[in-house]
Amino acid sequence: MDNIYCSYLNENIEEGMCYDLQMIGNSYIKESALPELKIDKEKLNEQCSKCKYCLDK
């Protein structure tokens, strides 16, 4: 998998993690899918909506 820059985490992440973050932000999966992260869904959705990798575009 390719690594992409995530502005929410401020680091490069794998595409799969990007997808998971967006699914959490959209409430398709629970935050417990990424237990190592404390997720602020409001901030996550704001950052994801601006990202070129956003699935909702």
N, C-alpha and C. Protein backbone atom coordinates (compact mmCIF):
# COMPACT_ATOMS: atom_id res chain seq x y z
N MET A 1 0.84 -1.19 0.00
CA MET A 1 0.00 0.00 0.00
C MET A 1 0.87 1.24 0.00
N ASP A 2 0.35 2.28 -0.59
CA ASP A 2 1.05 3.55 -0.64
C ASP A 2 0.87 4.32 0.66
N ASN A 3 1.85 5.15 0.98
CA ASN A 3 1.72 6.07 2.09
C ASN A 3 1.26 7.41 1.57
N ILE A 4 0.38 8.04 2.31
CA ILE A 4 -0.13 9.37 1.95
C ILE A 4 -0.06 10.26 3.18
N TYR A 5 -0.03 11.57 2.94
CA TYR A 5 0.05 12.51 4.05
C TYR A 5 -1.34 12.74 4.64
N CYS A 6 -1.44 12.61 5.95
CA CYS A 6 -2.70 12.84 6.67
C CYS A 6 -2.57 14.13 7.47
N SER A 7 -3.35 15.14 7.11
CA SER A 7 -3.27 16.41 7.82
C SER A 7 -3.89 16.32 9.22
N TYR A 8 -4.78 15.36 9.44
CA TYR A 8 -5.36 15.18 10.77
C TYR A 8 -4.30 14.69 11.75
N LEU A 9 -3.53 13.68 11.32
CA LEU A 9 -2.48 13.12 12.18
C LEU A 9 -1.14 13.84 12.01
N ASN A 10 -1.05 14.65 10.96
CA ASN A 10 0.17 15.40 10.66
C ASN A 10 1.36 14.46 10.42
N GLU A 11 1.10 13.40 9.66
CA GLU A 11 2.14 12.43 9.33
C GLU A 11 1.71 11.60 8.12
N ASN A 12 2.66 10.86 7.56
CA ASN A 12 2.35 9.94 6.48
C ASN A 12 1.76 8.67 7.06
N ILE A 13 0.69 8.18 6.42
CA ILE A 13 0.01 6.97 6.86
C ILE A 13 -0.28 6.10 5.65
N GLU A 14 -0.60 4.83 5.90
CA GLU A 14 -0.99 3.93 4.82
C GLU A 14 -2.41 4.28 4.35
N GLU A 15 -2.68 3.99 3.09
CA GLU A 15 -4.00 4.27 2.52
C GLU A 15 -5.13 3.63 3.34
N GLY A 16 -4.89 2.43 3.83
CA GLY A 16 -5.91 1.73 4.62
C GLY A 16 -6.29 2.48 5.88
N MET A 17 -5.31 3.10 6.52
CA MET A 17 -5.60 3.87 7.72
C MET A 17 -6.38 5.14 7.36
N CYS A 18 -6.05 5.75 6.24
CA CYS A 18 -6.79 6.92 5.76
C CYS A 18 -8.26 6.54 5.56
N TYR A 19 -8.48 5.42 4.91
CA TYR A 19 -9.83 4.92 4.68
C TYR A 19 -10.55 4.69 6.01
N ASP A 20 -9.86 4.05 6.95
CA ASP A 20 -10.47 3.79 8.27
C ASP A 20 -10.83 5.09 8.98
N LEU A 21 -9.96 6.08 8.92
CA LEU A 21 -10.24 7.36 9.56
C LEU A 21 -11.50 8.01 8.96
N GLN A 22 -11.61 7.94 7.65
CA GLN A 22 -12.80 8.51 7.01
C GLN A 22 -14.06 7.73 7.38
N MET A 23 -13.95 6.42 7.49
CA MET A 23 -15.10 5.61 7.88
C MET A 23 -15.52 5.93 9.32
N ILE A 24 -14.56 6.18 10.20
CA ILE A 24 -14.86 6.57 11.57
C ILE A 24 -15.51 7.95 11.57
N GLY A 25 -14.96 8.88 10.83
CA GLY A 25 -15.52 10.22 10.75
C GLY A 25 -16.96 10.24 10.27
N ASN A 26 -17.28 9.34 9.36
CA ASN A 26 -18.64 9.26 8.81
C ASN A 26 -19.53 8.30 9.60
N SER A 27 -19.03 7.79 10.71
CA SER A 27 -19.76 6.88 11.61
C SER A 27 -20.16 5.56 10.95
N TYR A 28 -19.38 5.12 9.96
CA TYR A 28 -19.63 3.82 9.35
C TYR A 28 -19.00 2.70 10.18
N ILE A 29 -17.90 3.04 10.88
CA ILE A 29 -17.28 2.10 11.80
C ILE A 29 -17.00 2.83 13.12
N LYS A 30 -16.80 2.07 14.19
CA LYS A 30 -16.58 2.67 15.50
C LYS A 30 -15.13 3.10 15.68
N GLU A 31 -14.93 4.08 16.55
CA GLU A 31 -13.60 4.58 16.85
C GLU A 31 -12.70 3.48 17.39
N SER A 32 -13.27 2.46 17.96
CA SER A 32 -12.49 1.35 18.51
C SER A 32 -11.74 0.57 17.42
N ALA A 33 -12.04 0.84 16.15
CA ALA A 33 -11.32 0.20 15.05
C ALA A 33 -9.85 0.64 15.04
N LEU A 34 -9.59 1.82 15.58
CA LEU A 34 -8.22 2.33 15.72
C LEU A 34 -7.99 2.69 17.18
N PRO A 35 -7.87 1.69 18.05
CA PRO A 35 -7.79 1.94 19.48
C PRO A 35 -6.56 2.73 19.92
N GLU A 36 -5.53 2.75 19.09
CA GLU A 36 -4.31 3.46 19.46
C GLU A 36 -4.45 4.99 19.31
N LEU A 37 -5.55 5.44 18.72
CA LEU A 37 -5.76 6.88 18.51
C LEU A 37 -6.93 7.40 19.32
N LYS A 38 -6.78 8.60 19.86
CA LYS A 38 -7.91 9.31 20.46
C LYS A 38 -8.42 10.24 19.37
N ILE A 39 -9.62 9.99 18.89
CA ILE A 39 -10.12 10.68 17.71
C ILE A 39 -11.13 11.77 18.08
N ASP A 40 -10.88 12.95 17.56
CA ASP A 40 -11.80 14.08 17.67
C ASP A 40 -12.55 14.12 16.33
N LYS A 41 -13.76 13.57 16.30
CA LYS A 41 -14.49 13.41 15.03
C LYS A 41 -14.75 14.74 14.33
N GLU A 42 -15.00 15.80 15.08
CA GLU A 42 -15.24 17.11 14.45
C GLU A 42 -13.99 17.58 13.70
N LYS A 43 -12.85 17.51 14.37
CA LYS A 43 -11.59 17.91 13.73
C LYS A 43 -11.25 16.96 12.58
N LEU A 44 -11.46 15.67 12.79
CA LEU A 44 -11.20 14.68 11.76
C LEU A 44 -12.00 14.99 10.49
N ASN A 45 -13.29 15.22 10.64
CA ASN A 45 -14.14 15.50 9.48
C ASN A 45 -13.74 16.79 8.79
N GLU A 46 -13.34 17.78 9.56
CA GLU A 46 -12.90 19.05 8.97
C GLU A 46 -11.65 18.84 8.12
N GLN A 47 -10.68 18.11 8.66
CA GLN A 47 -9.44 17.86 7.93
C GLN A 47 -9.67 16.94 6.72
N CYS A 48 -10.46 15.91 6.90
CA CYS A 48 -10.70 14.97 5.80
C CYS A 48 -11.43 15.65 4.63
N SER A 49 -12.36 16.52 4.93
CA SER A 49 -13.13 17.17 3.86
C SER A 49 -12.26 18.04 2.97
N LYS A 50 -11.13 18.50 3.48
CA LYS A 50 -10.20 19.35 2.72
C LYS A 50 -9.16 18.54 1.96
N CYS A 51 -9.09 17.25 2.25
CA CYS A 51 -8.02 16.40 1.74
C CYS A 51 -8.32 15.90 0.32
N LYS A 52 -7.28 15.80 -0.48
CA LYS A 52 -7.48 15.30 -1.85
C LYS A 52 -7.83 13.82 -1.88
N TYR A 53 -7.64 13.12 -0.78
CA TYR A 53 -7.98 11.69 -0.69
C TYR A 53 -9.38 11.45 -0.13
N CYS A 54 -10.14 12.52 0.08
CA CYS A 54 -11.47 12.41 0.65
C CYS A 54 -12.37 11.56 -0.25
N LEU A 55 -13.01 10.57 0.33
CA LEU A 55 -13.87 9.67 -0.45
C LEU A 55 -15.19 10.28 -0.86
N ASP A 56 -15.57 11.37 -0.17
CA ASP A 56 -16.86 12.00 -0.45
C ASP A 56 -16.81 13.01 -1.58
N LYS A 57 -15.67 13.15 -2.21
CA LYS A 57 -15.56 14.15 -3.30
C LYS A 57 -15.92 13.54 -4.62
